[in-house]
Protein backbone atom coordinates (compact mmCIF):
# COMPACT_ATOMS: atom_id res chain seq x y z
CA UNK A 1 116.76 125.10 64.91
CA UNK A 2 119.66 123.03 63.59
CA UNK A 3 120.94 122.47 67.10
CA UNK A 4 117.54 121.20 68.27
CA UNK A 5 117.28 118.82 65.31
CA UNK A 6 120.77 117.61 66.16
CA UNK A 7 119.70 117.07 69.76
CA UNK A 8 116.69 115.00 68.71
CA UNK A 9 118.69 113.00 66.17
CA UNK A 10 121.45 112.34 68.67
CA UNK A 11 118.98 111.23 71.35
CA UNK A 12 117.39 108.72 68.98
CA UNK A 13 120.81 107.45 67.92
CA UNK A 14 121.95 107.05 71.54
CA UNK A 15 118.76 105.18 72.42
CA UNK A 16 119.39 102.74 69.58
CA UNK A 17 122.99 102.25 70.69
CA UNK A 18 121.78 101.62 74.24
CA UNK A 19 119.69 98.70 72.99
CA UNK A 20 122.82 97.06 71.57
CA UNK A 21 124.66 97.44 74.88
CA UNK A 22 121.67 96.30 76.94
CA UNK A 23 120.26 93.12 75.36
CA UNK A 24 117.69 92.82 78.13
CA UNK A 25 116.00 96.03 77.06
CA UNK A 26 116.18 94.96 73.41
CA UNK A 27 114.50 91.66 74.26
CA UNK A 28 111.83 93.58 76.14
CA UNK A 29 111.13 95.73 73.09
CA UNK A 30 110.96 92.65 70.86
CA UNK A 31 108.53 91.01 73.28
CA UNK A 32 106.47 94.18 73.27
CA UNK A 33 106.34 94.22 69.47
CA UNK A 34 105.40 90.53 69.44
CA UNK A 35 102.66 91.16 71.98
CA UNK A 36 101.23 94.04 69.94
CA UNK A 37 101.31 91.77 66.90
CA UNK A 38 99.41 89.13 68.87
CA UNK A 39 96.84 91.69 69.96
CA UNK A 40 96.44 92.80 66.34
CA UNK A 41 95.88 89.20 65.25
CA UNK A 42 93.38 88.63 68.06
CA UNK A 43 91.45 91.83 67.32
CA UNK A 44 91.21 91.15 63.58
CA UNK A 45 90.41 87.44 63.75
CA UNK A 46 88.48 86.89 66.98
CA UNK A 47 85.32 88.97 66.81
CA UNK A 48 81.97 88.23 68.50
CA UNK A 49 78.95 87.44 66.35
CA UNK A 50 77.02 90.55 65.23
CA UNK A 51 74.10 89.68 67.51
CA UNK A 52 76.47 89.50 70.51
CA UNK A 53 78.07 92.91 69.96
CA UNK A 54 77.53 95.58 72.62
CA UNK A 55 75.82 98.80 71.42
CA UNK A 56 78.31 101.31 70.03
CA UNK A 57 76.66 104.18 71.91
CA UNK A 58 77.94 102.63 75.15
CA UNK A 59 81.54 102.84 73.92
CA UNK A 60 80.88 106.37 72.71
CA UNK A 61 79.74 107.32 76.20
CA UNK A 62 82.75 105.58 77.78
CA UNK A 63 85.20 107.36 75.45
CA UNK A 64 83.51 110.71 76.07
CA UNK A 65 83.61 110.23 79.85
CA UNK A 66 87.24 109.05 79.74
CA UNK A 67 88.45 112.07 77.75
CA UNK A 68 86.35 114.36 79.96
CA UNK A 69 88.13 112.95 83.00
CA UNK A 70 91.53 113.80 81.52
CA UNK A 71 90.29 117.26 80.50
CA UNK A 72 89.17 117.92 84.09
CA UNK A 73 92.48 116.70 85.52
CA UNK A 74 94.43 118.83 83.04
CA UNK A 75 92.46 121.98 83.88
CA UNK A 76 92.90 121.37 87.60
CA UNK A 77 96.62 120.91 87.07
CA UNK A 78 96.90 124.00 84.87
CA UNK A 79 95.34 126.12 87.62
CA UNK A 80 98.04 125.03 90.07
CA UNK A 81 101.34 124.36 88.32
CA UNK A 82 100.76 123.99 84.59
CA UNK A 83 101.68 121.02 82.41
CA UNK A 84 105.17 119.55 82.19
CA UNK A 85 106.60 119.76 78.67
CA UNK A 86 110.26 120.15 79.60
CA UNK A 87 112.76 118.33 81.76
CA UNK A 88 115.28 119.88 84.14
CA UNK A 89 118.03 119.16 81.60
CA UNK A 90 116.14 121.40 79.14
CA UNK A 91 115.91 124.11 81.79
CA UNK A 92 119.61 123.90 82.55
CA UNK A 93 120.84 123.83 78.97
CA UNK A 94 118.22 125.02 76.46
CA UNK A 95 116.73 127.87 78.48
CA UNK A 96 120.13 129.56 78.74
CA UNK A 97 121.21 128.84 75.15
CA UNK A 98 121.11 131.40 72.32
CA UNK A 99 118.12 129.68 70.70
CA UNK A 100 114.80 131.36 69.97
CA UNK A 101 112.21 130.77 72.69
CA UNK A 102 109.68 129.90 69.98
CA UNK A 103 111.91 127.14 68.65
CA UNK A 104 112.45 125.80 72.15
CA UNK A 105 108.69 125.76 72.68
CA UNK A 106 108.24 123.78 69.46
CA UNK A 107 110.86 121.34 70.72
CA UNK A 108 108.86 121.02 73.93
CA UNK A 109 105.74 120.26 71.88
CA UNK A 110 107.63 117.43 70.15
CA UNK A 111 108.63 115.98 73.53
CA UNK A 112 105.04 116.34 74.64
CA UNK A 113 103.89 114.26 71.65
CA UNK A 114 106.15 111.45 72.80
CA UNK A 115 104.83 111.72 76.37
CA UNK A 116 101.24 111.67 75.08
CA UNK A 117 102.00 108.45 73.23
CA UNK A 118 103.35 106.84 76.41
CA UNK A 119 100.28 108.03 78.33
CA UNK A 120 97.96 106.59 75.66
CA UNK A 121 99.84 103.33 75.15
CA UNK A 122 97.58 101.36 77.50
CA UNK A 123 94.78 101.61 74.89
CA UNK A 124 96.59 98.98 72.79
CA UNK A 125 95.99 96.46 75.57
CA UNK A 126 92.21 96.91 75.47
CA UNK A 127 91.70 94.77 72.34
CA UNK A 128 89.66 92.11 74.12
CA UNK A 129 87.36 94.71 75.70
CA UNK A 130 86.95 96.71 72.49
CA UNK A 131 86.25 93.53 70.53
CA UNK A 132 82.90 93.41 72.33
CA UNK A 133 81.95 96.51 70.32
CA UNK A 134 83.22 95.07 67.02
CA UNK A 135 86.35 97.24 66.99
CA UNK A 136 89.38 95.65 65.28
CA UNK A 137 93.05 96.59 65.69
CA UNK A 138 92.79 99.34 63.07
CA UNK A 139 90.03 100.89 65.16
CA UNK A 140 92.22 100.63 68.26
CA UNK A 141 94.99 102.55 66.47
CA UNK A 142 92.42 105.18 65.51
CA UNK A 143 91.26 105.49 69.13
CA UNK A 144 94.91 105.79 70.22
CA UNK A 145 95.52 108.59 67.70
CA UNK A 146 92.38 110.45 68.76
CA UNK A 147 93.24 110.21 72.44
CA UNK A 148 96.81 111.41 71.74
CA UNK A 149 95.42 114.39 69.83
CA UNK A 150 93.20 115.30 72.77
CA UNK A 151 96.14 114.97 75.19
CA UNK A 152 98.39 117.21 73.06
CA UNK A 153 95.77 119.93 72.64
CA UNK A 154 94.97 119.88 76.36
CA UNK A 155 98.67 120.17 77.21
CA UNK A 156 98.95 123.32 75.08
CA UNK A 157 95.77 124.69 76.64
CA UNK A 158 97.13 123.87 80.09
CA UNK A 159 100.19 126.04 79.54
CA UNK A 160 98.02 128.90 78.23
CA UNK A 161 95.62 128.67 81.19
CA UNK A 162 98.54 128.76 83.60
CA UNK A 163 100.03 131.77 81.81
CA UNK A 164 96.75 133.69 81.92
CA UNK A 165 95.59 132.76 85.43
CA UNK A 166 98.85 132.69 87.36
CA UNK A 167 98.55 134.81 90.54
CA UNK A 168 94.98 135.81 89.62
CA UNK A 169 92.27 134.12 91.75
CA UNK A 170 89.51 135.82 89.73
CA UNK A 171 90.79 134.36 86.45
CA UNK A 172 91.17 130.93 88.00
CA UNK A 173 87.60 131.10 89.25
CA UNK A 174 86.47 132.21 85.78
CA UNK A 175 88.19 129.20 84.16
CA UNK A 176 86.46 126.84 86.60
CA UNK A 177 83.06 128.42 85.90
CA UNK A 178 83.55 128.23 82.13
CA UNK A 179 84.67 124.59 82.32
CA UNK A 180 81.52 123.71 84.27
CA UNK A 181 79.16 125.78 82.11
CA UNK A 182 80.29 123.92 78.98
CA UNK A 183 78.74 120.72 80.37
CA UNK A 184 75.61 122.27 81.91
CA UNK A 185 73.47 122.07 78.70
CA UNK A 186 74.28 118.36 78.37
CA UNK A 187 73.29 117.68 81.99
CA UNK A 188 70.01 119.62 81.55
CA UNK A 189 69.25 117.77 78.30
CA UNK A 190 69.93 114.43 80.01
CA UNK A 191 67.55 115.31 82.86
CA UNK A 192 64.80 116.46 80.46
CA UNK A 193 65.19 113.31 78.35
CA UNK A 194 64.90 111.14 81.44
CA UNK A 195 61.67 112.83 82.59
CA UNK A 196 60.21 112.55 79.08
CA UNK A 197 61.12 108.90 78.46
CA UNK A 198 61.29 107.59 82.05
CA UNK A 199 63.95 105.26 80.65
CA UNK A 200 67.57 105.93 81.78
CA UNK A 201 69.10 104.00 78.88
CA UNK A 202 67.05 105.87 76.27
CA UNK A 203 67.86 109.16 78.01
CA UNK A 204 71.59 108.36 77.93
CA UNK A 205 71.32 107.36 74.28
CA UNK A 206 69.67 110.65 73.36
CA UNK A 207 72.13 112.69 75.43
CA UNK A 208 75.19 110.98 73.98
CA UNK A 209 73.97 111.54 70.41
CA UNK A 210 72.78 115.09 71.03
CA UNK A 211 74.58 118.22 69.78
CA UNK A 212 75.06 119.19 73.44
CA UNK A 213 77.52 116.29 73.66
CA UNK A 214 79.03 116.46 70.18
CA UNK A 215 80.02 120.14 70.31
CA UNK A 216 81.70 120.11 73.71
CA UNK A 217 85.29 121.23 73.01
CA UNK A 218 87.98 118.53 72.93
CA UNK A 219 86.03 115.71 74.61
CA UNK A 220 82.98 115.96 72.35
CA UNK A 221 84.90 116.74 69.17
CA UNK A 222 87.39 113.89 69.51
CA UNK A 223 84.70 111.41 70.55
CA UNK A 224 82.47 112.23 67.57
CA UNK A 225 85.46 112.22 65.23
CA UNK A 226 86.68 108.80 66.33
CA UNK A 227 83.21 107.20 66.44
CA UNK A 228 82.33 108.63 63.02
CA UNK A 229 85.46 107.17 61.43
CA UNK A 230 84.80 103.82 63.12
CA UNK A 231 81.26 103.90 61.70
CA UNK A 232 82.42 104.75 58.18
CA UNK A 233 81.34 108.41 58.27
CA UNK A 234 84.66 109.69 57.00
CA UNK A 235 83.64 113.29 56.26
CA UNK A 236 82.11 113.86 59.70
CA UNK A 237 85.03 112.17 61.43
CA UNK A 238 87.67 114.19 59.62
CA UNK A 239 85.65 117.36 60.21
CA UNK A 240 85.58 117.00 63.99
CA UNK A 241 89.16 115.72 64.32
CA UNK A 242 90.31 118.45 61.93
CA UNK A 243 88.52 121.02 64.08
CA UNK A 244 90.39 119.71 67.14
CA UNK A 245 93.69 119.87 65.26
CA UNK A 246 93.02 123.42 64.04
CA UNK A 247 92.17 124.55 67.58
CA UNK A 248 95.42 123.00 68.81
CA UNK A 249 97.40 124.79 66.11
CA UNK A 250 95.57 128.04 66.91
CA UNK A 251 96.37 127.68 70.62
CA UNK A 252 100.01 127.02 69.80
CA UNK A 253 100.20 130.10 67.54
CA UNK A 254 98.53 132.18 70.26
CA UNK A 255 101.09 130.95 72.77
CA UNK A 256 103.97 131.73 70.42
CA UNK A 257 102.76 135.22 69.57
CA UNK A 258 101.27 136.38 72.84
CA UNK A 259 103.95 135.41 75.32
CA UNK A 260 107.24 134.09 74.04
CA UNK A 261 108.85 134.67 77.43
CA UNK A 262 107.23 131.59 78.94
CA UNK A 263 110.37 130.40 80.74
CA UNK A 264 109.24 131.38 84.23
CA UNK A 265 105.84 129.69 83.83
CA UNK A 266 107.30 126.51 82.32
CA UNK A 267 109.97 126.42 85.01
CA UNK A 268 107.37 126.22 87.80
CA UNK A 269 105.76 123.02 86.49
CA UNK A 270 109.10 121.49 85.49
CA UNK A 271 110.72 122.22 88.83
CA UNK A 272 107.64 120.98 90.74
CA UNK A 273 107.70 117.71 88.83
CA UNK A 274 111.44 117.34 89.43
CA UNK A 275 111.02 117.94 93.17
CA UNK A 276 108.25 115.33 93.35
CA UNK A 277 110.45 112.76 91.62
CA UNK A 278 113.32 113.56 93.96
CA UNK A 279 111.01 113.31 96.98
CA UNK A 280 109.92 109.85 95.80
CA UNK A 281 113.54 108.80 95.37
CA UNK A 282 114.37 110.03 98.87
CA UNK A 283 111.25 108.56 100.47
CA UNK A 284 109.82 111.92 101.52
CA UNK A 285 106.16 111.03 100.98
CA UNK A 286 104.95 113.89 103.21
CA UNK A 287 106.71 116.35 100.94
CA UNK A 288 104.85 114.98 97.93
CA UNK A 289 101.51 115.30 99.65
CA UNK A 290 102.22 118.86 100.71
CA UNK A 291 103.06 119.78 97.11
CA UNK A 292 99.93 118.20 95.64
CA UNK A 293 97.38 119.50 98.10
CA UNK A 294 96.88 122.54 100.31
CA UNK A 295 94.16 120.93 102.38
CA UNK A 296 94.62 120.81 106.11
CA UNK A 297 94.81 117.35 107.62
CA UNK A 298 91.70 116.49 109.63
CA UNK A 299 92.50 115.28 113.13
CA UNK A 300 89.90 112.52 113.33
CA UNK A 301 91.80 110.91 116.16
CA UNK A 302 95.28 110.38 117.51
CA UNK A 303 97.33 107.32 118.18
CA UNK A 304 97.33 103.95 116.40
CA UNK A 305 96.38 100.51 117.60
CA UNK A 306 97.93 97.12 117.07
CA UNK A 307 101.27 95.72 118.05
CA UNK A 308 104.24 94.79 115.94
CA UNK A 309 103.55 94.48 112.25
CA UNK A 310 99.77 94.96 112.69
CA UNK A 311 100.48 98.60 113.57
CA UNK A 312 100.98 99.23 109.84
CA UNK A 313 97.35 98.37 109.14
CA UNK A 314 96.06 100.51 112.02
CA UNK A 315 98.25 103.37 110.82
CA UNK A 316 96.74 103.17 107.35
CA UNK A 317 93.20 103.05 108.75
CA UNK A 318 93.94 106.20 110.76
CA UNK A 319 95.29 107.90 107.60
CA UNK A 320 92.21 106.83 105.62
CA UNK A 321 89.82 108.50 108.08
CA UNK A 322 92.00 111.60 108.33
CA UNK A 323 91.90 111.95 104.56
CA UNK A 324 88.18 111.24 104.24
CA UNK A 325 85.47 111.35 106.88
CA UNK A 326 83.73 108.39 105.25
CA UNK A 327 86.80 106.21 105.59
CA UNK A 328 87.17 103.57 102.90
CA UNK A 329 84.25 105.05 100.95
CA UNK A 330 86.37 107.70 99.23
CA UNK A 331 85.50 109.78 96.18
CA UNK A 332 87.60 107.46 93.99
CA UNK A 333 85.77 104.41 95.38
CA UNK A 334 82.40 106.02 94.66
CA UNK A 335 83.49 106.84 91.10
CA UNK A 336 84.78 103.31 90.45
CA UNK A 337 81.75 101.61 91.99
CA UNK A 338 79.31 104.03 90.37
CA UNK A 339 80.93 103.64 86.96
CA UNK A 340 80.96 99.87 87.31
CA UNK A 341 77.28 99.75 88.33
CA UNK A 342 76.33 102.01 85.41
CA UNK A 343 78.34 99.86 82.98
CA UNK A 344 76.67 96.67 84.24
CA UNK A 345 73.25 98.29 83.88
CA UNK A 346 73.97 99.42 80.30
CA UNK A 347 75.85 96.37 79.01
CA UNK A 348 73.68 93.87 80.90
CA UNK A 349 76.69 91.61 81.34
CA UNK A 350 78.52 91.26 84.66
CA UNK A 351 81.50 89.36 83.21
CA UNK A 352 82.11 91.97 80.49
CA UNK A 353 82.31 94.73 83.10
CA UNK A 354 84.52 92.48 85.24
CA UNK A 355 87.02 92.39 82.39
CA UNK A 356 87.02 96.18 82.04
CA UNK A 357 87.48 96.75 85.78
CA UNK A 358 90.37 94.27 85.87
CA UNK A 359 92.22 96.37 83.28
CA UNK A 360 91.52 99.52 85.28
CA UNK A 361 92.81 97.81 88.43
CA UNK A 362 96.13 97.05 86.71
CA UNK A 363 96.76 100.80 86.56
CA UNK A 364 95.38 101.63 90.03
CA UNK A 365 96.85 98.87 92.19
CA UNK A 366 100.16 100.71 92.62
CA UNK A 367 98.48 103.62 94.39
CA UNK A 368 97.92 101.71 97.63
CA UNK A 369 99.57 102.72 100.89
CA UNK A 370 101.36 99.37 101.18
CA UNK A 371 103.72 100.01 98.28
CA UNK A 372 104.27 103.58 99.47
CA UNK A 373 105.51 102.19 102.79
CA UNK A 374 108.56 100.81 100.97
CA UNK A 375 109.70 104.42 100.43
CA UNK A 376 109.72 105.06 104.18
CA UNK A 377 112.27 103.44 106.46
CA UNK A 378 109.93 102.38 109.28
CA UNK A 379 108.76 99.16 107.64
CA UNK A 380 112.37 97.98 107.37
CA UNK A 381 112.88 98.37 111.13
CA UNK A 382 109.98 96.15 112.27
CA UNK A 383 111.43 92.85 113.55
CA UNK A 384 108.94 90.64 111.68
CA UNK A 385 109.14 88.54 108.54
CA UNK A 386 108.99 90.28 105.18
CA UNK A 387 105.88 88.29 104.24
CA UNK A 388 103.92 89.46 107.29
CA UNK A 389 104.92 93.07 106.69
CA UNK A 390 103.77 92.86 103.07
CA UNK A 391 100.40 91.38 104.02
CA UNK A 392 99.62 93.81 106.86
CA UNK A 393 100.86 96.87 104.98
CA UNK A 394 98.45 96.03 102.13
CA UNK A 395 95.48 95.00 104.28
CA UNK A 396 93.90 98.45 103.89
CA UNK A 397 94.07 98.12 100.09
CA UNK A 398 92.61 94.61 100.16
CA UNK A 399 89.67 95.75 102.31
CA UNK A 400 89.04 98.75 100.06
CA UNK A 401 89.10 96.61 96.92
CA UNK A 402 86.76 94.05 98.49
CA UNK A 403 84.33 96.80 99.53
CA UNK A 404 84.32 98.37 96.04
CA UNK A 405 83.89 94.95 94.44
CA UNK A 406 80.95 93.91 96.62
CA UNK A 407 79.14 97.23 96.09
CA UNK A 408 79.74 97.20 92.32
CA UNK A 409 78.75 93.63 91.50
CA UNK A 410 76.00 93.15 94.10
CA UNK A 411 74.18 96.38 93.23
CA UNK A 412 74.83 96.00 89.50
CA UNK A 413 73.77 92.35 89.58
CA UNK A 414 70.54 93.18 91.39
CA UNK A 415 69.68 95.89 88.86
CA UNK A 416 69.89 93.50 85.90
CA UNK A 417 68.79 90.37 87.75
CA UNK A 418 72.09 88.55 87.27
CA UNK A 419 72.43 85.05 88.80
CA UNK A 420 73.82 85.24 92.34
CA UNK A 421 76.50 82.63 91.61
CA UNK A 422 77.92 84.69 88.73
CA UNK A 423 77.97 87.76 90.98
CA UNK A 424 79.79 85.90 93.77
CA UNK A 425 82.25 84.32 91.32
CA UNK A 426 82.98 87.77 89.79
CA UNK A 427 83.70 89.16 93.26
CA UNK A 428 86.15 86.31 93.90
CA UNK A 429 87.90 86.79 90.54
CA UNK A 430 88.31 90.55 90.97
CA UNK A 431 89.54 90.30 94.57
CA UNK A 432 92.02 87.51 93.79
CA UNK A 433 93.20 89.45 90.73
CA UNK A 434 94.01 92.45 92.93
CA UNK A 435 95.91 90.18 95.31
CA UNK A 436 97.87 88.77 92.38
CA UNK A 437 98.74 92.28 91.17
CA UNK A 438 100.13 93.17 94.59
CA UNK A 439 102.31 90.06 94.43
CA UNK A 440 103.56 90.99 90.96
CA UNK A 441 104.47 94.48 92.19
CA UNK A 442 106.59 93.07 95.02
CA UNK A 443 108.09 90.49 92.67
CA UNK A 444 109.29 93.29 90.41
CA UNK A 445 110.68 95.16 93.38
CA UNK A 446 112.46 92.04 94.63
CA UNK A 447 114.37 91.43 91.40
CA UNK A 448 114.68 94.92 89.90
CA UNK A 449 114.96 96.97 93.09
CA UNK A 450 112.65 99.58 91.56
CA UNK A 451 109.03 100.59 91.39
CA UNK A 452 107.34 99.13 88.30
CA UNK A 453 105.72 102.50 87.54
CA UNK A 454 109.07 103.82 86.38
CA UNK A 455 109.74 104.16 82.65
CA UNK A 456 109.83 101.08 80.45
CA UNK A 457 109.17 98.74 83.39
CA UNK A 458 105.46 99.62 83.24
CA UNK A 459 105.28 98.00 79.79
CA UNK A 460 107.03 94.90 81.08
CA UNK A 461 104.55 94.91 83.96
CA UNK A 462 101.60 94.72 81.56
CA UNK A 463 103.31 91.89 79.71
CA UNK A 464 104.00 90.02 82.97
CA UNK A 465 100.36 90.31 84.06
CA UNK A 466 99.18 88.86 80.75
CA UNK A 467 101.69 85.98 80.86
CA UNK A 468 100.97 85.11 84.51
CA UNK A 469 97.19 85.12 84.17
CA UNK A 470 97.18 83.36 80.77
CA UNK A 471 97.23 79.71 82.05
CA UNK A 472 94.26 80.29 84.34
CA UNK A 473 92.41 82.24 81.67
CA UNK A 474 92.90 79.49 79.06
CA UNK A 475 91.80 76.80 81.55
CA UNK A 476 88.74 78.86 82.48
CA UNK A 477 87.73 79.37 78.85
CA UNK A 478 88.15 75.68 78.01
CA UNK A 479 86.19 74.52 81.07
CA UNK A 480 83.46 77.10 80.56
CA UNK A 481 83.08 76.20 76.88
CA UNK A 482 82.95 72.45 77.55
CA UNK A 483 80.33 72.74 80.32
CA UNK A 484 78.37 75.56 78.74
CA UNK A 485 75.58 77.72 80.09
CA UNK A 486 75.53 79.55 83.40
CA UNK A 487 77.21 76.63 85.17
CA UNK A 488 80.09 76.76 82.70
CA UNK A 489 80.50 80.49 83.27
CA UNK A 490 80.57 80.07 87.05
CA UNK A 491 83.03 77.16 86.85
CA UNK A 492 85.27 79.14 84.50
CA UNK A 493 85.28 82.14 86.83
CA UNK A 494 86.07 80.00 89.86
CA UNK A 495 88.95 78.32 87.98
CA UNK A 496 90.31 81.74 87.05
CA UNK A 497 89.96 82.98 90.64
CA UNK A 498 91.73 79.89 91.98
CA UNK A 499 94.60 80.37 89.53
CA UNK A 500 94.91 84.05 90.49
CA UNK A 501 95.18 83.02 94.15
CA UNK A 502 97.85 80.43 93.34
CA UNK A 503 99.75 82.83 91.07
CA UNK A 504 99.58 85.55 93.72
CA UNK A 505 100.93 83.24 96.42
CA UNK A 506 103.73 82.12 94.08
CA UNK A 507 104.64 85.78 93.45
CA UNK A 508 104.66 86.45 97.20
CA UNK A 509 106.85 83.37 97.74
CA UNK A 510 109.31 84.38 95.02
CA UNK A 511 109.47 87.91 96.41
CA UNK A 512 110.05 86.65 99.93
CA UNK A 513 112.71 88.77 101.54
CA UNK A 514 111.97 91.80 99.38
CA UNK A 515 112.32 94.00 102.45
CA UNK A 516 115.52 92.25 103.52
CA UNK A 517 117.63 91.73 100.44
CA UNK A 518 116.86 94.41 97.86
CA UNK A 519 118.06 97.98 98.22
CA UNK A 520 115.55 100.36 99.70
CA UNK A 521 113.80 102.36 96.94
CA UNK A 522 114.42 105.46 99.06
CA UNK A 523 118.14 105.08 98.38
CA UNK A 524 117.70 105.30 94.59
CA UNK A 525 118.21 108.83 93.37
CA UNK A 526 116.11 110.09 90.47
C-alpha cells in the first residue's frame, strides 16, 4: 500500500509543479476559483422573493429524473463493457506489480472519486437556476456531494454487474428486467393518482413524495437524502444518504471478497476506452461507432446531393435518416423537447425553462456532426472557404436545434397560455445561443488546436461562455427592468438574442481559417 500512497502523493506533487512551469494553466485555475467564488456570492446574496420561488417538489422531480438517467446509462454500460476505473498506465504497471489486487482496486476507487467529481462539476454552474428554488451555494455543494455519491456507488455496481453477467445473456436479461421492475410501482402509482385526481401536477406531486419514489435504490435514496437536508430534516437526510453509503461500502466489500481476480474484467473496459480515445485522435469515427453499437446501419437510400461544400449538409441528412427513420426527430430530440414541455407546464414560466435548456445545450452542442467532421480529412480537401465549410457542416445541427426549440416552446407556451411574443423571443434566444456555442467551439479549435471537450479545457469553455454572453445578459436585464412588464421581458430577450448573434459572428470571424491554419485534430495522438 505504501507504493500506491507514494504514487498518489507524487502525482499530486507533479501536478503542482506543472502549474509553476505552465502559468497559463495556473491562471486558468485562479480564474476558476474566482468564478466559483462569484457564484457563491451570487447564490447567497441574490435570492428571489419567497412568493416567487418555484415549488421544491419540481426540483426534487428533476433531481430524481437526472440521477435515474445516469443510473440507466451506467447499467447499460455495465452490460456491455463495464465502467472505467483504471487507465492503460495502471494496466501496464500496476496490474503486473507485486501489489495485492484488493489494494489496487481501492486505488482505482480513489481515482474513480476524482472522476466523479469532474463529472459532477457542472452542478456548480447551476447557481442561477437553483436560486429559483431558494437553494444557496451551500445547498449546491450538498447537491454536488449527493450526486458524486450516487456516481461512485453506481460505478462499483457497474463493475459487479459486468463481473456477474459477462458472457451470460440470461443474466444480462435478468438485470434489465430487475432494473425496469424497480420503477414499475412508481409508474403504476402515478397512473392511479392521475385517474383519481384528473390533475397531472397533483399526480406528479403525489408520485414524487410517495414511498414508491423514495425507496428506489440510488436515485430515490440520494434524492430524498439531499432534499431532506435542504429542507432542514437532518435525520431523514442522513438516514437515506447513509443508507446509500452503506450499500456502496457493502458492494465494495462484496467485490473484494467474491472476485479479487478482476483484472480481465477491468481490462476490457479500460482497453475499450483507450481504443475509443485513440480512434478519436486518429479520426477513425467509424471505428468509434462500431465499438459503441452493434446495430446494423439502415440503408434508407444511397448517394448524396449537393455540390461542393453543400455536399456536407446532404451527407449529414443522409446519415440522420440512416440512423433514425424519423430523421431529425430522434429519441434524444423527443426527450429534450418532452422534458422542456413538461418543465414549462410545471414551472409555468417559459423564460425559466429557457435558462435551464441553455445550460443543457452547453454540454450537448459538441455532439453535432459538424465538429466531428474536423476529425475526418474530407472537409480539409474541399476547395471552399473555411467559413462556408463550417456553416454547411453544422447546418444539420442548426436545423435540429431549431426544430427542438419550436416544438418545446410553442407546445409548452400553448399549454400554459404564454404570450406569443415571449415564446417567439425565447425561440430566437435559444437558437442564437446555439449558434454562438458553435462559434466558441471553433474559436477554441482555432487557437488551441484541440477539442474543448478534452480535460481542463472544458472548464475554460464554461468560463468563456459566461464571459462572452455576460454583456448581452447585463444589457437585457437592465433594459427589461427599466421597461418592465411583458414588454420589458420581450425587449430583454431580443437584446440578448441580438448579442448572441453578434458574439457568434465575432467568434466565427476570429476562427476564420480554422480549417486552414491549425493542425488537424486527427493528427493529435492521445
